[in-house]
């Protein structure tokens, strides 16, 4: 049976459905990740600024909420918790719970917050000496990268 004869036998609507399904499931059809600059406040939040950490994540975007910090890349935030006694959200999991960030690097550095573990997916970033509310990763943070 020829290809044309097979196509006419299964019908064009069935073929179109199959092609659409293959395209949707194909990695080549996947959209690339997006990034967004979220450093809207000049300066570093005071607790992060006076700590040993270069990147701080905050449980909420308001002042005086719990925070967690790092100075190294963390490929999976699972198991990390907001520091005890630092405000609302203390002891809560950091992964998928951060609303804001602060980047205490020189202005040439960048702090990245990724949607997926392993530094993948959509990402928010701050330049050094910036603070801001997360956007793509608001309560959807899974990994962080500190670029000196």
N, C-alpha and C. Protein backbone atom coordinates (compact mmCIF):
# COMPACT_ATOMS: atom_id res chain seq x y z
N UNK A 1 0.85 -1.17 0.00
CA UNK A 1 0.00 0.00 0.00
C UNK A 1 0.90 1.23 0.00
N UNK A 2 0.59 2.18 -0.81
CA UNK A 2 1.40 3.39 -0.89
C UNK A 2 1.08 4.32 0.27
N UNK A 3 1.99 5.27 0.53
CA UNK A 3 1.80 6.25 1.59
C UNK A 3 0.54 7.07 1.35
N UNK A 4 0.31 7.49 0.12
CA UNK A 4 -0.87 8.29 -0.20
C UNK A 4 -2.14 7.51 0.06
N UNK A 5 -2.14 6.25 -0.29
CA UNK A 5 -3.31 5.42 -0.07
C UNK A 5 -3.55 5.24 1.43
N UNK A 6 -2.45 5.06 2.23
CA UNK A 6 -2.58 4.94 3.68
C UNK A 6 -3.15 6.22 4.27
N UNK A 7 -2.66 7.38 3.78
CA UNK A 7 -3.16 8.66 4.28
C UNK A 7 -4.63 8.82 4.01
N UNK A 8 -5.07 8.43 2.84
CA UNK A 8 -6.49 8.57 2.53
C UNK A 8 -7.32 7.59 3.33
N UNK A 9 -6.73 6.45 3.72
CA UNK A 9 -7.45 5.47 4.50
C UNK A 9 -7.66 5.94 5.94
N UNK A 10 -6.64 6.54 6.57
CA UNK A 10 -6.77 6.96 7.96
C UNK A 10 -7.45 8.31 8.10
N UNK A 11 -7.50 9.07 7.05
CA UNK A 11 -8.18 10.36 7.11
C UNK A 11 -7.24 11.47 7.52
N UNK A 12 -7.43 12.61 6.94
CA UNK A 12 -6.56 13.75 7.22
C UNK A 12 -6.74 14.28 8.63
N UNK A 13 -7.94 14.24 9.19
CA UNK A 13 -8.13 14.76 10.54
C UNK A 13 -7.38 13.92 11.57
N UNK A 14 -7.37 12.62 11.39
CA UNK A 14 -6.62 11.74 12.28
C UNK A 14 -5.12 12.02 12.15
N UNK A 15 -4.67 12.23 10.93
CA UNK A 15 -3.26 12.55 10.69
C UNK A 15 -2.88 13.86 11.35
N UNK A 16 -3.71 14.88 11.20
CA UNK A 16 -3.43 16.18 11.80
C UNK A 16 -3.36 16.08 13.32
N UNK A 17 -4.24 15.30 13.92
CA UNK A 17 -4.22 15.10 15.36
C UNK A 17 -2.92 14.43 15.79
N UNK A 18 -2.51 13.42 15.05
CA UNK A 18 -1.27 12.72 15.37
C UNK A 18 -0.05 13.61 15.25
N UNK A 19 0.00 14.43 14.20
CA UNK A 19 1.13 15.34 14.00
C UNK A 19 1.17 16.36 15.14
N UNK A 20 0.03 16.90 15.52
CA UNK A 20 -0.02 17.88 16.61
C UNK A 20 0.44 17.26 17.92
N UNK A 21 0.05 16.03 18.18
CA UNK A 21 0.45 15.35 19.40
C UNK A 21 1.95 15.10 19.43
N UNK A 22 2.51 14.65 18.34
CA UNK A 22 3.96 14.43 18.27
C UNK A 22 4.71 15.74 18.47
N UNK A 23 4.26 16.82 17.85
CA UNK A 23 4.92 18.12 17.99
C UNK A 23 4.87 18.61 19.43
N UNK A 24 3.74 18.41 20.10
CA UNK A 24 3.59 18.87 21.47
C UNK A 24 4.48 18.10 22.43
N UNK A 25 4.69 16.81 22.18
CA UNK A 25 5.49 15.98 23.07
C UNK A 25 6.97 15.99 22.74
N UNK A 26 7.33 16.54 21.62
CA UNK A 26 8.72 16.53 21.18
C UNK A 26 9.55 17.56 21.93
N UNK A 27 10.75 17.17 22.41
CA UNK A 27 11.63 18.14 23.07
C UNK A 27 11.99 19.30 22.14
N UNK A 28 12.07 19.05 20.86
CA UNK A 28 12.41 20.12 19.93
C UNK A 28 11.30 21.17 19.89
N UNK A 29 10.08 20.78 20.24
CA UNK A 29 8.97 21.70 20.25
C UNK A 29 8.84 22.47 21.56
N UNK A 30 9.70 22.16 22.54
CA UNK A 30 9.61 22.81 23.84
C UNK A 30 10.13 24.24 23.76
N UNK A 31 9.47 25.12 24.49
CA UNK A 31 9.88 26.52 24.52
C UNK A 31 11.14 26.66 25.36
N UNK A 32 11.96 27.62 25.02
CA UNK A 32 13.17 27.84 25.81
C UNK A 32 12.81 28.62 27.07
N UNK A 33 13.66 28.50 28.07
CA UNK A 33 13.41 29.17 29.35
C UNK A 33 13.61 30.67 29.21
N UNK A 34 12.89 31.40 30.04
CA UNK A 34 12.98 32.86 30.05
C UNK A 34 13.65 33.32 31.33
N UNK A 35 14.22 34.50 31.31
CA UNK A 35 14.80 35.09 32.52
C UNK A 35 14.30 36.52 32.66
N UNK A 36 14.26 36.98 33.92
CA UNK A 36 13.75 38.32 34.20
C UNK A 36 14.60 38.99 35.27
N UNK A 37 14.97 40.24 35.01
CA UNK A 37 15.69 41.03 36.00
C UNK A 37 14.67 41.54 37.02
N UNK A 38 14.85 41.18 38.29
CA UNK A 38 13.89 41.56 39.33
C UNK A 38 14.50 42.48 40.39
N UNK A 39 15.72 42.91 40.16
CA UNK A 39 16.38 43.79 41.12
C UNK A 39 15.87 45.22 41.01
N UNK A 40 14.73 45.49 41.62
CA UNK A 40 14.09 46.80 41.49
C UNK A 40 14.44 47.77 42.60
N UNK A 41 15.12 47.28 43.64
CA UNK A 41 15.48 48.14 44.77
C UNK A 41 17.00 48.19 44.86
N UNK A 42 17.57 49.38 44.78
CA UNK A 42 19.02 49.53 44.89
C UNK A 42 19.43 49.24 46.33
N UNK A 43 20.50 48.49 46.49
CA UNK A 43 21.00 48.17 47.81
C UNK A 43 20.62 46.76 48.24
N UNK A 44 21.22 46.34 49.35
CA UNK A 44 21.04 44.99 49.88
C UNK A 44 20.26 45.09 51.18
N UNK A 45 19.30 44.21 51.36
CA UNK A 45 18.52 44.17 52.60
C UNK A 45 19.48 44.05 53.77
N UNK A 46 19.22 44.75 54.87
CA UNK A 46 20.19 44.91 55.96
C UNK A 46 20.65 43.60 56.58
N UNK A 47 19.77 42.61 56.77
CA UNK A 47 20.21 41.35 57.38
C UNK A 47 21.16 40.60 56.46
N UNK A 48 20.90 40.65 55.16
CA UNK A 48 21.79 39.99 54.20
C UNK A 48 23.12 40.75 54.13
N UNK A 49 23.03 42.05 54.14
CA UNK A 49 24.23 42.90 54.06
C UNK A 49 25.16 42.67 55.24
N UNK A 50 24.61 42.41 56.41
CA UNK A 50 25.46 42.23 57.60
C UNK A 50 25.78 40.75 57.87
N UNK A 51 25.44 39.87 56.93
CA UNK A 51 25.72 38.45 57.11
C UNK A 51 26.91 38.02 56.24
N UNK A 52 27.23 36.74 56.31
CA UNK A 52 28.30 36.19 55.48
C UNK A 52 27.78 35.73 54.11
N UNK A 53 26.49 35.88 53.86
CA UNK A 53 25.87 35.37 52.65
C UNK A 53 25.85 36.40 51.52
N UNK A 54 25.97 35.92 50.29
CA UNK A 54 25.91 36.82 49.13
C UNK A 54 24.55 36.81 48.46
N UNK A 55 23.77 35.75 48.68
CA UNK A 55 22.41 35.68 48.16
C UNK A 55 21.48 35.30 49.30
N UNK A 56 20.46 36.11 49.51
CA UNK A 56 19.46 35.81 50.53
C UNK A 56 18.09 35.71 49.88
N UNK A 57 17.34 34.69 50.28
CA UNK A 57 15.96 34.52 49.84
C UNK A 57 15.06 34.79 51.04
N UNK A 58 13.89 35.38 50.78
CA UNK A 58 12.97 35.78 51.84
C UNK A 58 11.63 35.08 51.69
N UNK A 59 11.07 34.71 52.83
CA UNK A 59 9.80 33.99 52.85
C UNK A 59 8.66 34.82 52.27
N UNK A 60 8.72 36.11 52.45
CA UNK A 60 7.69 36.99 51.91
C UNK A 60 8.38 38.23 51.38
N UNK A 61 7.66 39.02 50.60
CA UNK A 61 8.28 40.20 50.02
C UNK A 61 8.29 41.38 50.98
N UNK A 62 7.59 41.27 52.09
CA UNK A 62 7.60 42.35 53.08
C UNK A 62 8.83 42.29 53.97
N UNK A 63 9.09 43.37 54.65
CA UNK A 63 10.25 43.44 55.55
C UNK A 63 10.05 42.51 56.75
N UNK A 64 11.14 42.09 57.33
CA UNK A 64 11.15 41.31 58.56
C UNK A 64 10.54 39.92 58.45
N UNK A 65 10.55 39.33 57.27
CA UNK A 65 10.13 37.93 57.15
C UNK A 65 11.38 37.05 57.20
N UNK A 66 11.18 35.78 57.41
CA UNK A 66 12.30 34.86 57.53
C UNK A 66 13.15 34.87 56.27
N UNK A 67 14.45 34.62 56.47
CA UNK A 67 15.36 34.56 55.32
C UNK A 67 16.28 33.35 55.43
N UNK A 68 16.88 33.03 54.29
CA UNK A 68 17.88 31.96 54.16
C UNK A 68 18.95 32.50 53.24
N UNK A 69 20.21 32.14 53.46
CA UNK A 69 21.27 32.66 52.62
C UNK A 69 22.31 31.64 52.23
N UNK A 70 23.03 31.97 51.15
CA UNK A 70 24.12 31.14 50.66
C UNK A 70 25.14 32.02 49.95
N UNK A 71 26.33 31.52 49.83
CA UNK A 71 27.38 32.18 49.04
C UNK A 71 27.89 31.28 47.93
N UNK A 72 27.24 30.12 47.77
CA UNK A 72 27.63 29.15 46.75
C UNK A 72 26.39 28.70 45.97
N UNK A 73 26.62 28.09 44.83
CA UNK A 73 25.52 27.54 44.03
C UNK A 73 24.87 26.39 44.79
N UNK A 74 23.54 26.30 44.68
CA UNK A 74 22.80 25.19 45.30
C UNK A 74 21.89 24.63 44.21
N UNK A 75 22.19 23.40 43.77
CA UNK A 75 21.45 22.82 42.64
C UNK A 75 20.05 22.33 43.00
N UNK A 76 19.79 22.13 44.28
CA UNK A 76 18.45 21.73 44.72
C UNK A 76 18.23 22.26 46.13
N UNK A 77 17.22 23.10 46.30
CA UNK A 77 16.94 23.71 47.59
C UNK A 77 16.17 22.79 48.54
N UNK A 78 15.87 21.57 48.09
CA UNK A 78 15.18 20.61 48.96
C UNK A 78 15.98 20.41 50.24
N UNK A 79 15.30 20.43 51.37
CA UNK A 79 15.96 20.23 52.66
C UNK A 79 16.46 21.51 53.31
N UNK A 80 16.49 22.61 52.57
CA UNK A 80 16.90 23.89 53.14
C UNK A 80 15.69 24.55 53.79
N UNK A 81 15.89 25.20 54.94
CA UNK A 81 14.78 25.89 55.62
C UNK A 81 15.18 27.32 55.95
N UNK A 82 14.17 28.19 56.02
CA UNK A 82 14.41 29.57 56.42
C UNK A 82 14.93 29.57 57.85
N UNK A 83 15.92 30.42 58.12
CA UNK A 83 16.60 30.44 59.40
C UNK A 83 15.62 30.67 60.55
N UNK A 84 15.82 29.92 61.61
CA UNK A 84 14.98 30.00 62.80
C UNK A 84 15.11 31.38 63.45
N UNK A 85 13.99 31.91 63.91
CA UNK A 85 13.98 33.18 64.64
C UNK A 85 14.18 34.41 63.79
N UNK A 86 14.04 34.29 62.47
CA UNK A 86 14.28 35.46 61.61
C UNK A 86 13.00 36.11 61.10
N UNK A 87 11.84 35.66 61.59
CA UNK A 87 10.58 36.28 61.19
C UNK A 87 9.57 35.27 60.71
N UNK A 88 8.45 35.78 60.20
CA UNK A 88 7.37 34.92 59.70
C UNK A 88 7.92 33.97 58.65
N UNK A 89 7.64 32.69 58.79
CA UNK A 89 8.14 31.68 57.86
C UNK A 89 9.37 30.95 58.36
N UNK A 90 9.88 31.31 59.54
CA UNK A 90 11.05 30.62 60.11
C UNK A 90 10.79 29.12 60.17
N UNK A 91 11.77 28.34 59.75
CA UNK A 91 11.66 26.89 59.79
C UNK A 91 10.93 26.29 58.60
N UNK A 92 10.29 27.10 57.78
CA UNK A 92 9.60 26.60 56.59
C UNK A 92 10.63 26.22 55.51
N UNK A 93 10.24 25.34 54.61
CA UNK A 93 11.11 24.95 53.51
C UNK A 93 11.37 26.15 52.61
N UNK A 94 12.60 26.28 52.14
CA UNK A 94 12.96 27.36 51.21
C UNK A 94 12.43 27.03 49.81
N UNK A 95 12.57 25.77 49.41
CA UNK A 95 12.15 25.37 48.06
C UNK A 95 10.66 25.64 47.87
N UNK A 96 10.35 26.40 46.84
CA UNK A 96 8.98 26.77 46.46
C UNK A 96 8.28 27.64 47.50
N UNK A 97 9.06 28.39 48.30
CA UNK A 97 8.48 29.27 49.31
C UNK A 97 9.08 30.66 49.34
N UNK A 98 10.00 31.00 48.47
CA UNK A 98 10.62 32.32 48.51
C UNK A 98 9.84 33.32 47.66
N UNK A 99 9.75 34.54 48.17
CA UNK A 99 9.02 35.59 47.46
C UNK A 99 9.92 36.74 47.04
N UNK A 100 11.08 36.88 47.67
CA UNK A 100 11.98 37.99 47.36
C UNK A 100 13.42 37.54 47.54
N UNK A 101 14.34 38.35 47.03
CA UNK A 101 15.77 38.02 47.11
C UNK A 101 16.60 39.29 47.22
N UNK A 102 17.81 39.11 47.73
CA UNK A 102 18.77 40.20 47.82
C UNK A 102 20.14 39.66 47.41
N UNK A 103 20.89 40.44 46.64
CA UNK A 103 22.18 40.00 46.09
C UNK A 103 23.29 40.91 46.59
N UNK A 104 24.09 40.40 47.53
CA UNK A 104 25.16 41.18 48.15
C UNK A 104 26.50 40.88 47.49
N UNK A 105 26.57 41.15 46.19
CA UNK A 105 27.81 41.01 45.42
C UNK A 105 28.23 42.38 44.92
N UNK A 106 29.43 42.46 44.37
CA UNK A 106 29.81 43.68 43.67
C UNK A 106 28.84 43.88 42.51
N UNK A 107 28.74 45.08 42.02
CA UNK A 107 27.75 45.38 40.98
C UNK A 107 27.96 44.57 39.70
N UNK A 108 29.13 43.98 39.51
CA UNK A 108 29.39 43.18 38.32
C UNK A 108 28.90 41.74 38.47
N UNK A 109 28.51 41.33 39.69
CA UNK A 109 28.05 39.97 39.92
C UNK A 109 26.55 39.83 39.66
N UNK A 110 26.08 38.58 39.67
CA UNK A 110 24.65 38.30 39.49
C UNK A 110 24.25 37.14 40.40
N UNK A 111 23.03 37.23 40.91
CA UNK A 111 22.43 36.15 41.68
C UNK A 111 21.22 35.65 40.90
N UNK A 112 21.18 34.35 40.66
CA UNK A 112 20.13 33.72 39.86
C UNK A 112 19.28 32.81 40.74
N UNK A 113 17.97 32.82 40.50
CA UNK A 113 17.03 31.93 41.17
C UNK A 113 16.28 31.19 40.07
N UNK A 114 16.31 29.86 40.09
CA UNK A 114 15.74 29.05 39.01
C UNK A 114 14.47 28.33 39.45
N UNK A 115 13.57 28.16 38.50
CA UNK A 115 12.29 27.48 38.70
C UNK A 115 12.48 25.99 38.99
N UNK A 116 13.44 25.37 38.34
CA UNK A 116 13.68 23.93 38.50
C UNK A 116 15.01 23.67 39.18
N UNK A 117 15.14 22.50 39.78
CA UNK A 117 16.44 22.12 40.34
C UNK A 117 17.42 21.94 39.19
N UNK A 118 18.69 21.98 39.51
CA UNK A 118 19.71 21.81 38.47
C UNK A 118 19.87 23.05 37.60
N UNK A 119 19.47 24.22 38.09
CA UNK A 119 19.65 25.50 37.38
C UNK A 119 18.91 25.49 36.04
N UNK A 120 17.70 24.98 36.02
CA UNK A 120 16.93 24.86 34.78
C UNK A 120 15.60 25.61 34.89
N UNK A 121 15.01 25.83 33.74
CA UNK A 121 13.71 26.48 33.67
C UNK A 121 13.81 27.99 33.73
N UNK A 122 12.67 28.64 33.83
CA UNK A 122 12.64 30.09 33.92
C UNK A 122 13.43 30.54 35.14
N UNK A 123 13.97 31.75 35.07
CA UNK A 123 14.82 32.24 36.15
C UNK A 123 14.61 33.73 36.38
N UNK A 124 14.78 34.13 37.62
CA UNK A 124 14.85 35.54 37.99
C UNK A 124 16.30 35.82 38.36
N UNK A 125 16.74 37.06 38.14
CA UNK A 125 18.10 37.40 38.55
C UNK A 125 18.15 38.83 39.08
N UNK A 126 19.15 39.05 39.91
CA UNK A 126 19.46 40.37 40.45
C UNK A 126 20.92 40.64 40.16
N UNK A 127 21.23 41.87 39.84
CA UNK A 127 22.62 42.28 39.75
C UNK A 127 23.12 42.49 41.18
N UNK A 128 24.43 42.55 41.33
CA UNK A 128 24.98 42.81 42.65
C UNK A 128 24.44 44.11 43.22
N UNK A 129 24.27 44.14 44.53
CA UNK A 129 23.77 45.32 45.25
C UNK A 129 22.32 45.67 44.91
N UNK A 130 21.51 44.62 44.67
CA UNK A 130 20.08 44.81 44.38
C UNK A 130 19.22 43.88 45.22
N UNK A 131 17.99 44.31 45.43
CA UNK A 131 16.97 43.53 46.13
C UNK A 131 15.69 43.61 45.31
N UNK A 132 14.86 42.59 45.35
CA UNK A 132 13.61 42.66 44.61
C UNK A 132 12.69 41.48 44.86
N UNK A 133 11.45 41.64 44.44
CA UNK A 133 10.45 40.58 44.54
C UNK A 133 10.61 39.64 43.35
N UNK A 134 10.53 38.35 43.61
CA UNK A 134 10.66 37.36 42.54
C UNK A 134 9.45 37.40 41.62
N UNK A 135 9.63 36.97 40.40
CA UNK A 135 8.55 36.98 39.42
C UNK A 135 8.29 35.56 38.90
N UNK A 136 9.14 35.08 37.98
CA UNK A 136 8.99 33.73 37.44
C UNK A 136 9.09 32.67 38.54
N UNK A 137 9.89 32.95 39.56
CA UNK A 137 10.15 31.95 40.60
C UNK A 137 9.47 32.28 41.93
N UNK A 138 8.52 33.19 41.94
CA UNK A 138 7.80 33.54 43.16
C UNK A 138 7.10 32.29 43.70
N UNK A 139 7.52 31.84 44.87
CA UNK A 139 7.04 30.59 45.48
C UNK A 139 7.20 29.38 44.56
N UNK A 140 8.15 29.46 43.66
CA UNK A 140 8.45 28.37 42.72
C UNK A 140 9.96 28.25 42.51
N UNK A 141 10.72 28.45 43.56
CA UNK A 141 12.19 28.43 43.47
C UNK A 141 12.72 27.05 43.79
N UNK A 142 13.69 26.58 43.00
CA UNK A 142 14.21 25.24 43.23
C UNK A 142 15.73 25.16 43.26
N UNK A 143 16.43 26.15 42.68
CA UNK A 143 17.89 26.16 42.72
C UNK A 143 18.38 27.60 42.57
N UNK A 144 19.61 27.84 43.03
CA UNK A 144 20.19 29.19 42.97
C UNK A 144 21.63 29.12 42.50
N UNK A 145 22.05 30.17 41.85
CA UNK A 145 23.43 30.26 41.35
C UNK A 145 23.96 31.67 41.66
N UNK A 146 25.18 31.71 42.19
CA UNK A 146 25.85 32.96 42.53
C UNK A 146 27.01 33.13 41.56
N UNK A 147 26.96 34.19 40.74
CA UNK A 147 27.99 34.42 39.73
C UNK A 147 28.82 35.64 40.16
N UNK A 148 30.04 35.38 40.60
CA UNK A 148 30.91 36.46 41.08
C UNK A 148 31.49 37.27 39.95
